[in-house]
């Protein structure tokens, strides 16, 4: 069980801005849906691919490396899926 998610995030092409520290997001993995906050971001030249560390409010029970989790931003109006993160 872990309360932190880290990995390479791929932001959807319709997302208007880079992910930033302090952004409150939700992580969806299988049947688990947990909220958290982005605590570290390293953007590349193309900000649609970046390394992220997300601190979760609750632990996720099953977090296998190499799995892909969905990043949700529920305050985003019509666009609520920010992208995905490949777990390390």
PDB file of N, CA and C in Angstrom:
ATOM      1  N   UNK A   1       0.850  -1.168   0.000  1.00  0.00           N
ATOM      2  CA  UNK A   1       0.000   0.000   0.000  1.00  0.00           C
ATOM      3  C   UNK A   1       0.902   1.239   0.000  1.00  0.00           C
ATOM      4  N   UNK A   2       0.480   2.211  -0.778  1.00  0.00           N
ATOM      5  CA  UNK A   2       1.284   3.424  -0.878  1.00  0.00           C
ATOM      6  C   UNK A   2       0.397   4.666  -0.917  1.00  0.00           C
ATOM      7  N   UNK A   3       0.937   5.761  -0.391  1.00  0.00           N
ATOM      8  CA  UNK A   3       0.205   7.027  -0.386  1.00  0.00           C
ATOM      9  C   UNK A   3       0.875   8.026  -1.317  1.00  0.00           C
ATOM     10  N   UNK A   4       1.702   7.521  -2.234  1.00  0.00           N
ATOM     11  CA  UNK A   4       2.382   8.398  -3.186  1.00  0.00           C
ATOM     12  C   UNK A   4       2.455   7.710  -4.542  1.00  0.00           C
ATOM     13  N   UNK A   5       2.203   8.470  -5.582  1.00  0.00           N
ATOM     14  CA  UNK A   5       2.280   7.964  -6.949  1.00  0.00           C
ATOM     15  C   UNK A   5       3.349   8.773  -7.659  1.00  0.00           C
ATOM     16  N   UNK A   6       4.274   8.065  -8.321  1.00  0.00           N
ATOM     17  CA  UNK A   6       5.269   8.762  -9.124  1.00  0.00           C
ATOM     18  C   UNK A   6       5.428   8.030 -10.446  1.00  0.00           C
ATOM     19  N   UNK A   7       5.698   8.818 -11.483  1.00  0.00           N
ATOM     20  CA  UNK A   7       5.865   8.224 -12.792  1.00  0.00           C
ATOM     21  C   UNK A   7       5.847   9.273 -13.884  1.00  0.00           C
ATOM     22  N   UNK A   8       5.763   8.802 -15.115  1.00  0.00           N
ATOM     23  CA  UNK A   8       5.734   9.681 -16.277  1.00  0.00           C
ATOM     24  C   UNK A   8       4.287   9.931 -16.678  1.00  0.00           C
ATOM     25  N   UNK A   9       3.900  11.199 -16.680  1.00  0.00           N
ATOM     26  CA  UNK A   9       2.529  11.570 -17.027  1.00  0.00           C
ATOM     27  C   UNK A   9       2.460  11.992 -18.489  1.00  0.00           C
ATOM     28  N   UNK A  10       1.377  11.613 -19.126  1.00  0.00           N
ATOM     29  CA  UNK A  10       1.073  12.067 -20.481  1.00  0.00           C
ATOM     30  C   UNK A  10      -0.232  12.846 -20.406  1.00  0.00           C
ATOM     31  N   UNK A  11      -0.154  14.138 -20.667  1.00  0.00           N
ATOM     32  CA  UNK A  11      -1.310  15.020 -20.594  1.00  0.00           C
ATOM     33  C   UNK A  11      -2.040  14.977 -21.931  1.00  0.00           C
ATOM     34  N   UNK A  12      -3.371  14.929 -21.889  1.00  0.00           N
ATOM     35  CA  UNK A  12      -4.152  14.874 -23.123  1.00  0.00           C
ATOM     36  C   UNK A  12      -3.937  16.156 -23.933  1.00  0.00           C
ATOM     37  N   UNK A  13      -4.055  16.057 -25.240  1.00  0.00           N
ATOM     38  CA  UNK A  13      -3.722  17.198 -26.103  1.00  0.00           C
ATOM     39  C   UNK A  13      -4.678  18.372 -25.954  1.00  0.00           C
ATOM     40  N   UNK A  14      -5.859  18.151 -25.415  1.00  0.00           N
ATOM     41  CA  UNK A  14      -6.827  19.234 -25.239  1.00  0.00           C
ATOM     42  C   UNK A  14      -6.639  19.985 -23.923  1.00  0.00           C
ATOM     43  N   UNK A  15      -5.758  19.485 -23.054  1.00  0.00           N
ATOM     44  CA  UNK A  15      -5.540  20.120 -21.762  1.00  0.00           C
ATOM     45  C   UNK A  15      -4.852  21.464 -21.980  1.00  0.00           C
ATOM     46  N   UNK A  16      -5.355  22.565 -21.392  1.00  0.00           N
ATOM     47  CA  UNK A  16      -4.905  23.909 -21.759  1.00  0.00           C
ATOM     48  C   UNK A  16      -3.562  24.367 -21.191  1.00  0.00           C
ATOM     49  N   UNK A  17      -3.030  23.714 -20.151  1.00  0.00           N
ATOM     50  CA  UNK A  17      -1.809  24.210 -19.515  1.00  0.00           C
ATOM     51  C   UNK A  17      -1.017  23.053 -18.916  1.00  0.00           C
ATOM     52  N   UNK A  18       0.255  23.268 -18.616  1.00  0.00           N
ATOM     53  CA  UNK A  18       1.045  22.195 -17.992  1.00  0.00           C
ATOM     54  C   UNK A  18       0.537  21.863 -16.585  1.00  0.00           C
ATOM     55  N   UNK A  19       0.788  20.623 -16.161  1.00  0.00           N
ATOM     56  CA  UNK A  19       0.497  20.264 -14.776  1.00  0.00           C
ATOM     57  C   UNK A  19       1.422  21.081 -13.882  1.00  0.00           C
ATOM     58  N   UNK A  20       0.949  21.436 -12.693  1.00  0.00           N
ATOM     59  CA  UNK A  20       1.763  22.268 -11.804  1.00  0.00           C
ATOM     60  C   UNK A  20       1.680  21.744 -10.376  1.00  0.00           C
ATOM     61  N   UNK A  21       2.675  22.113  -9.588  1.00  0.00           N
ATOM     62  CA  UNK A  21       2.685  21.737  -8.178  1.00  0.00           C
ATOM     63  C   UNK A  21       1.514  22.398  -7.462  1.00  0.00           C
ATOM     64  N   UNK A  22       0.915  21.669  -6.536  1.00  0.00           N
ATOM     65  CA  UNK A  22      -0.213  22.187  -5.774  1.00  0.00           C
ATOM     66  C   UNK A  22      -1.570  21.897  -6.389  1.00  0.00           C
ATOM     67  N   UNK A  23      -1.602  21.380  -7.620  1.00  0.00           N
ATOM     68  CA  UNK A  23      -2.865  21.076  -8.292  1.00  0.00           C
ATOM     69  C   UNK A  23      -3.509  19.857  -7.628  1.00  0.00           C
ATOM     70  N   UNK A  24      -4.769  19.982  -7.229  1.00  0.00           N
ATOM     71  CA  UNK A  24      -5.498  18.873  -6.605  1.00  0.00           C
ATOM     72  C   UNK A  24      -6.126  18.039  -7.713  1.00  0.00           C
ATOM     73  N   UNK A  25      -5.795  16.750  -7.733  1.00  0.00           N
ATOM     74  CA  UNK A  25      -6.274  15.831  -8.770  1.00  0.00           C
ATOM     75  C   UNK A  25      -6.829  14.580  -8.095  1.00  0.00           C
ATOM     76  N   UNK A  26      -7.444  13.726  -8.886  1.00  0.00           N
ATOM     77  CA  UNK A  26      -7.897  12.417  -8.442  1.00  0.00           C
ATOM     78  C   UNK A  26      -7.202  11.380  -9.327  1.00  0.00           C
ATOM     79  N   UNK A  27      -6.835  10.270  -8.733  1.00  0.00           N
ATOM     80  CA  UNK A  27      -6.187   9.178  -9.459  1.00  0.00           C
ATOM     81  C   UNK A  27      -7.159   8.009  -9.521  1.00  0.00           C
ATOM     82  N   UNK A  28      -7.384   7.508 -10.725  1.00  0.00           N
ATOM     83  CA  UNK A  28      -8.234   6.343 -10.915  1.00  0.00           C
ATOM     84  C   UNK A  28      -7.393   5.157 -11.364  1.00  0.00           C
ATOM     85  N   UNK A  29      -7.434   4.077 -10.601  1.00  0.00           N
ATOM     86  CA  UNK A  29      -6.703   2.854 -10.936  1.00  0.00           C
ATOM     87  C   UNK A  29      -7.589   1.672 -10.611  1.00  0.00           C
ATOM     88  N   UNK A  30      -8.020   0.983 -11.648  1.00  0.00           N
ATOM     89  CA  UNK A  30      -8.962  -0.118 -11.521  1.00  0.00           C
ATOM     90  C   UNK A  30     -10.215   0.396 -10.830  1.00  0.00           C
ATOM     91  N   UNK A  31     -10.588  -0.155  -9.691  1.00  0.00           N
ATOM     92  CA  UNK A  31     -11.799   0.313  -9.005  1.00  0.00           C
ATOM     93  C   UNK A  31     -11.482   1.309  -7.897  1.00  0.00           C
ATOM     94  N   UNK A  32     -10.229   1.727  -7.806  1.00  0.00           N
ATOM     95  CA  UNK A  32      -9.820   2.679  -6.780  1.00  0.00           C
ATOM     96  C   UNK A  32      -9.848   4.100  -7.346  1.00  0.00           C
ATOM     97  N   UNK A  33     -10.335   5.040  -6.564  1.00  0.00           N
ATOM     98  CA  UNK A  33     -10.436   6.432  -6.983  1.00  0.00           C
ATOM     99  C   UNK A  33     -10.072   7.288  -5.772  1.00  0.00           C
ATOM    100  N   UNK A  34      -8.877   7.873  -5.778  1.00  0.00           N
ATOM    101  CA  UNK A  34      -8.337   8.557  -4.605  1.00  0.00           C
ATOM    102  C   UNK A  34      -7.906   9.961  -4.993  1.00  0.00           C
ATOM    103  N   UNK A  35      -8.191  10.933  -4.126  1.00  0.00           N
ATOM    104  CA  UNK A  35      -7.738  12.288  -4.411  1.00  0.00           C
ATOM    105  C   UNK A  35      -6.354  12.528  -3.829  1.00  0.00           C
ATOM    106  N   UNK A  36      -5.659  13.494  -4.423  1.00  0.00           N
ATOM    107  CA  UNK A  36      -4.309  13.820  -3.982  1.00  0.00           C
ATOM    108  C   UNK A  36      -3.875  15.164  -4.538  1.00  0.00           C
ATOM    109  N   UNK A  37      -2.606  15.494  -4.298  1.00  0.00           N
ATOM    110  CA  UNK A  37      -2.060  16.776  -4.730  1.00  0.00           C
ATOM    111  C   UNK A  37      -0.721  16.533  -5.404  1.00  0.00           C
ATOM    112  N   UNK A  38      -0.494  17.210  -6.520  1.00  0.00           N
ATOM    113  CA  UNK A  38       0.786  17.110  -7.216  1.00  0.00           C
ATOM    114  C   UNK A  38       1.815  17.873  -6.390  1.00  0.00           C
ATOM    115  N   UNK A  39       2.889  17.181  -5.972  1.00  0.00           N
ATOM    116  CA  UNK A  39       3.898  17.839  -5.140  1.00  0.00           C
ATOM    117  C   UNK A  39       5.195  18.109  -5.904  1.00  0.00           C
ATOM    118  N   UNK A  40       5.375  17.477  -7.057  1.00  0.00           N
ATOM    119  CA  UNK A  40       6.570  17.739  -7.862  1.00  0.00           C
ATOM    120  C   UNK A  40       6.268  17.465  -9.330  1.00  0.00           C
ATOM    121  N   UNK A  41       6.758  18.351 -10.199  1.00  0.00           N
ATOM    122  CA  UNK A  41       6.590  18.205 -11.647  1.00  0.00           C
ATOM    123  C   UNK A  41       7.894  18.598 -12.322  1.00  0.00           C
ATOM    124  N   UNK A  42       8.327  17.786 -13.277  1.00  0.00           N
ATOM    125  CA  UNK A  42       9.471  18.118 -14.117  1.00  0.00           C
ATOM    126  C   UNK A  42       8.990  18.086 -15.563  1.00  0.00           C
ATOM    127  N   UNK A  43       8.764  19.260 -16.147  1.00  0.00           N
ATOM    128  CA  UNK A  43       8.282  19.351 -17.524  1.00  0.00           C
ATOM    129  C   UNK A  43       9.441  19.290 -18.505  1.00  0.00           C
ATOM    130  N   UNK A  44       9.211  18.620 -19.619  1.00  0.00           N
ATOM    131  CA  UNK A  44      10.169  18.598 -20.719  1.00  0.00           C
ATOM    132  C   UNK A  44       9.851  19.772 -21.637  1.00  0.00           C
ATOM    133  N   UNK A  45      10.553  19.849 -22.776  1.00  0.00           N
ATOM    134  CA  UNK A  45      10.262  20.902 -23.759  1.00  0.00           C
ATOM    135  C   UNK A  45       8.803  20.808 -24.199  1.00  0.00           C
ATOM    136  N   UNK A  46       8.316  19.584 -24.409  1.00  0.00           N
ATOM    137  CA  UNK A  46       6.895  19.368 -24.693  1.00  0.00           C
ATOM    138  C   UNK A  46       6.222  19.041 -23.359  1.00  0.00           C
ATOM    139  N   UNK A  47       5.461  19.983 -22.793  1.00  0.00           N
ATOM    140  CA  UNK A  47       4.899  19.799 -21.463  1.00  0.00           C
ATOM    141  C   UNK A  47       3.800  18.744 -21.402  1.00  0.00           C
ATOM    142  N   UNK A  48       3.439  18.171 -22.543  1.00  0.00           N
ATOM    143  CA  UNK A  48       2.431  17.105 -22.530  1.00  0.00           C
ATOM    144  C   UNK A  48       2.998  15.792 -21.983  1.00  0.00           C
ATOM    145  N   UNK A  49       4.324  15.729 -21.796  1.00  0.00           N
ATOM    146  CA  UNK A  49       4.967  14.587 -21.162  1.00  0.00           C
ATOM    147  C   UNK A  49       5.838  15.126 -20.034  1.00  0.00           C
ATOM    148  N   UNK A  50       5.622  14.643 -18.819  1.00  0.00           N
ATOM    149  CA  UNK A  50       6.382  15.154 -17.679  1.00  0.00           C
ATOM    150  C   UNK A  50       6.485  14.079 -16.599  1.00  0.00           C
ATOM    151  N   UNK A  51       7.429  14.270 -15.705  1.00  0.00           N
ATOM    152  CA  UNK A  51       7.548  13.399 -14.532  1.00  0.00           C
ATOM    153  C   UNK A  51       6.788  14.044 -13.386  1.00  0.00           C
ATOM    154  N   UNK A  52       5.980  13.263 -12.687  1.00  0.00           N
ATOM    155  CA  UNK A  52       5.178  13.804 -11.589  1.00  0.00           C
ATOM    156  C   UNK A  52       5.309  12.950 -10.332  1.00  0.00           C
ATOM    157  N   UNK A  53       5.103  13.603  -9.200  1.00  0.00           N
ATOM    158  CA  UNK A  53       4.946  12.923  -7.914  1.00  0.00           C
ATOM    159  C   UNK A  53       3.649  13.451  -7.331  1.00  0.00           C
ATOM    160  N   UNK A  54       2.732  12.541  -7.018  1.00  0.00           N
ATOM    161  CA  UNK A  54       1.424  12.906  -6.492  1.00  0.00           C
ATOM    162  C   UNK A  54       1.268  12.293  -5.108  1.00  0.00           C
ATOM    163  N   UNK A  55       1.020  13.149  -4.119  1.00  0.00           N
ATOM    164  CA  UNK A  55       0.787  12.698  -2.758  1.00  0.00           C
ATOM    165  C   UNK A  55      -0.703  12.450  -2.586  1.00  0.00           C
ATOM    166  N   UNK A  56      -1.069  11.238  -2.183  1.00  0.00           N
ATOM    167  CA  UNK A  56      -2.469  10.840  -2.069  1.00  0.00           C
ATOM    168  C   UNK A  56      -2.985  11.022  -0.649  1.00  0.00           C
ATOM    169  N   UNK A  57      -4.274  11.315  -0.517  1.00  0.00           N
ATOM    170  CA  UNK A  57      -4.894  11.465   0.802  1.00  0.00           C
ATOM    171  C   UNK A  57      -5.052  10.124   1.510  1.00  0.00           C
ATOM    172  N   UNK A  58      -5.298   9.053   0.745  1.00  0.00           N
ATOM    173  CA  UNK A  58      -5.430   7.710   1.297  1.00  0.00           C
ATOM    174  C   UNK A  58      -4.507   6.790   0.517  1.00  0.00           C
ATOM    175  N   UNK A  59      -4.157   5.690   1.106  1.00  0.00           N
ATOM    176  CA  UNK A  59      -3.288   4.734   0.432  1.00  0.00           C
ATOM    177  C   UNK A  59      -4.058   3.954  -0.626  1.00  0.00           C
ATOM    178  N   UNK A  60      -3.348   3.616  -1.689  1.00  0.00           N
ATOM    179  CA  UNK A  60      -3.907   2.738  -2.721  1.00  0.00           C
ATOM    180  C   UNK A  60      -3.444   1.325  -2.396  1.00  0.00           C
ATOM    181  N   UNK A  61      -4.370   0.372  -2.397  1.00  0.00           N
ATOM    182  CA  UNK A  61      -4.068  -0.984  -1.967  1.00  0.00           C
ATOM    183  C   UNK A  61      -3.168  -1.720  -2.951  1.00  0.00           C
ATOM    184  N   UNK A  62      -3.421  -1.585  -4.227  1.00  0.00           N
ATOM    185  CA  UNK A  62      -2.679  -2.365  -5.220  1.00  0.00           C
ATOM    186  C   UNK A  62      -2.158  -1.404  -6.275  1.00  0.00           C
ATOM    187  N   UNK A  63      -0.839  -1.238  -6.328  1.00  0.00           N
ATOM    188  CA  UNK A  63      -0.210  -0.268  -7.220  1.00  0.00           C
ATOM    189  C   UNK A  63       0.978  -0.915  -7.932  1.00  0.00           C
ATOM    190  N   UNK A  64       0.712  -1.759  -8.935  1.00  0.00           N
ATOM    191  CA  UNK A  64       1.812  -2.469  -9.588  1.00  0.00           C
ATOM    192  C   UNK A  64       2.634  -1.550 -10.501  1.00  0.00           C
ATOM    193  N   UNK A  65       3.964  -1.680 -10.499  1.00  0.00           N
ATOM    194  CA  UNK A  65       4.796  -0.880 -11.404  1.00  0.00           C
ATOM    195  C   UNK A  65       4.466  -1.201 -12.861  1.00  0.00           C
ATOM    196  N   UNK A  66       4.507  -0.182 -13.708  1.00  0.00           N
ATOM    197  CA  UNK A  66       4.195  -0.370 -15.118  1.00  0.00           C
ATOM    198  C   UNK A  66       2.721  -0.229 -15.444  1.00  0.00           C
ATOM    199  N   UNK A  67       1.889  -0.112 -14.433  1.00  0.00           N
ATOM    200  CA  UNK A  67       0.451   0.077 -14.633  1.00  0.00           C
ATOM    201  C   UNK A  67       0.175   1.537 -14.986  1.00  0.00           C
ATOM    202  N   UNK A  68      -0.894   1.785 -15.703  1.00  0.00           N
ATOM    203  CA  UNK A  68      -1.268   3.142 -16.085  1.00  0.00           C
ATOM    204  C   UNK A  68      -2.496   3.569 -15.298  1.00  0.00           C
ATOM    205  N   UNK A  69      -2.390   4.723 -14.608  1.00  0.00           N
ATOM    206  CA  UNK A  69      -3.501   5.288 -13.847  1.00  0.00           C
ATOM    207  C   UNK A  69      -3.989   6.548 -14.554  1.00  0.00           C
ATOM    208  N   UNK A  70      -5.256   6.862 -14.391  1.00  0.00           N
ATOM    209  CA  UNK A  70      -5.857   8.029 -15.030  1.00  0.00           C
ATOM    210  C   UNK A  70      -5.819   9.208 -14.057  1.00  0.00           C
ATOM    211  N   UNK A  71      -5.415  10.386 -14.568  1.00  0.00           N
ATOM    212  CA  UNK A  71      -5.402  11.609 -13.766  1.00  0.00           C
ATOM    213  C   UNK A  71      -6.674  12.386 -14.084  1.00  0.00           C
ATOM    214  N   UNK A  72      -7.507  12.588 -13.071  1.00  0.00           N
ATOM    215  CA  UNK A  72      -8.758  13.322 -13.205  1.00  0.00           C
ATOM    216  C   UNK A  72      -8.610  14.682 -12.543  1.00  0.00           C
ATOM    217  N   UNK A  73      -9.195  15.703 -13.147  1.00  0.00           N
ATOM    218  CA  UNK A  73      -9.278  17.023 -12.526  1.00  0.00           C
ATOM    219  C   UNK A  73     -10.750  17.397 -12.515  1.00  0.00           C
ATOM    220  N   UNK A  74     -11.407  17.174 -11.379  1.00  0.00           N
ATOM    221  CA  UNK A  74     -12.861  17.292 -11.313  1.00  0.00           C
ATOM    222  C   UNK A  74     -13.363  18.724 -11.314  1.00  0.00           C
ATOM    223  N   UNK A  75     -12.484  19.703 -11.082  1.00  0.00           N
ATOM    224  CA  UNK A  75     -12.879  21.113 -11.136  1.00  0.00           C
ATOM    225  C   UNK A  75     -12.673  21.698 -12.524  1.00  0.00           C
ATOM    226  N   UNK A  76     -12.447  20.866 -13.513  1.00  0.00           N
ATOM    227  CA  UNK A  76     -12.086  21.333 -14.846  1.00  0.00           C
ATOM    228  C   UNK A  76     -13.242  21.652 -15.767  1.00  0.00           C
ATOM    229  N   UNK A  77     -14.456  21.730 -15.280  1.00  0.00           N
ATOM    230  CA  UNK A  77     -15.582  22.028 -16.153  1.00  0.00           C
ATOM    231  C   UNK A  77     -15.895  20.852 -17.045  1.00  0.00           C
ATOM    232  N   UNK A  78     -15.927  21.065 -18.351  1.00  0.00           N
ATOM    233  CA  UNK A  78     -16.277  19.990 -19.285  1.00  0.00           C
ATOM    234  C   UNK A  78     -15.153  18.972 -19.452  1.00  0.00           C
ATOM    235  N   UNK A  79     -13.895  19.425 -19.389  1.00  0.00           N
ATOM    236  CA  UNK A  79     -12.759  18.514 -19.547  1.00  0.00           C
ATOM    237  C   UNK A  79     -12.281  18.068 -18.170  1.00  0.00           C
ATOM    238  N   UNK A  80     -12.551  16.817 -17.829  1.00  0.00           N
ATOM    239  CA  UNK A  80     -12.214  16.327 -16.495  1.00  0.00           C
ATOM    240  C   UNK A  80     -11.081  15.311 -16.489  1.00  0.00           C
ATOM    241  N   UNK A  81     -10.657  14.829 -17.631  1.00  0.00           N
ATOM    242  CA  UNK A  81      -9.538  13.902 -17.705  1.00  0.00           C
ATOM    243  C   UNK A  81      -8.314  14.712 -18.125  1.00  0.00           C
ATOM    244  N   UNK A  82      -7.321  14.788 -17.227  1.00  0.00           N
ATOM    245  CA  UNK A  82      -6.113  15.555 -17.541  1.00  0.00           C
ATOM    246  C   UNK A  82      -5.115  14.706 -18.308  1.00  0.00           C
ATOM    247  N   UNK A  83      -5.102  13.420 -18.047  1.00  0.00           N
ATOM    248  CA  UNK A  83      -4.152  12.546 -18.727  1.00  0.00           C
ATOM    249  C   UNK A  83      -3.996  11.243 -17.988  1.00  0.00           C
ATOM    250  N   UNK A  84      -2.820  10.638 -18.131  1.00  0.00           N
ATOM    251  CA  UNK A  84      -2.541   9.363 -17.462  1.00  0.00           C
ATOM    252  C   UNK A  84      -1.116   9.399 -16.942  1.00  0.00           C
ATOM    253  N   UNK A  85      -0.814   8.512 -16.010  1.00  0.00           N
ATOM    254  CA  UNK A  85       0.533   8.406 -15.461  1.00  0.00           C
ATOM    255  C   UNK A  85       0.937   6.936 -15.482  1.00  0.00           C
ATOM    256  N   UNK A  86       2.122   6.664 -16.045  1.00  0.00           N
ATOM    257  CA  UNK A  86       2.692   5.319 -16.044  1.00  0.00           C
ATOM    258  C   UNK A  86       3.467   5.170 -14.741  1.00  0.00           C
ATOM    259  N   UNK A  87       3.043   4.252 -13.895  1.00  0.00           N
ATOM    260  CA  UNK A  87       3.575   4.129 -12.545  1.00  0.00           C
ATOM    261  C   UNK A  87       4.967   3.499 -12.534  1.00  0.00           C
ATOM    262  N   UNK A  88       5.819   4.008 -11.668  1.00  0.00           N
ATOM    263  CA  UNK A  88       7.171   3.452 -11.487  1.00  0.00           C
ATOM    264  C   UNK A  88       7.191   2.492 -10.331  1.00  0.00           C
TER     265      UNK A  88
END
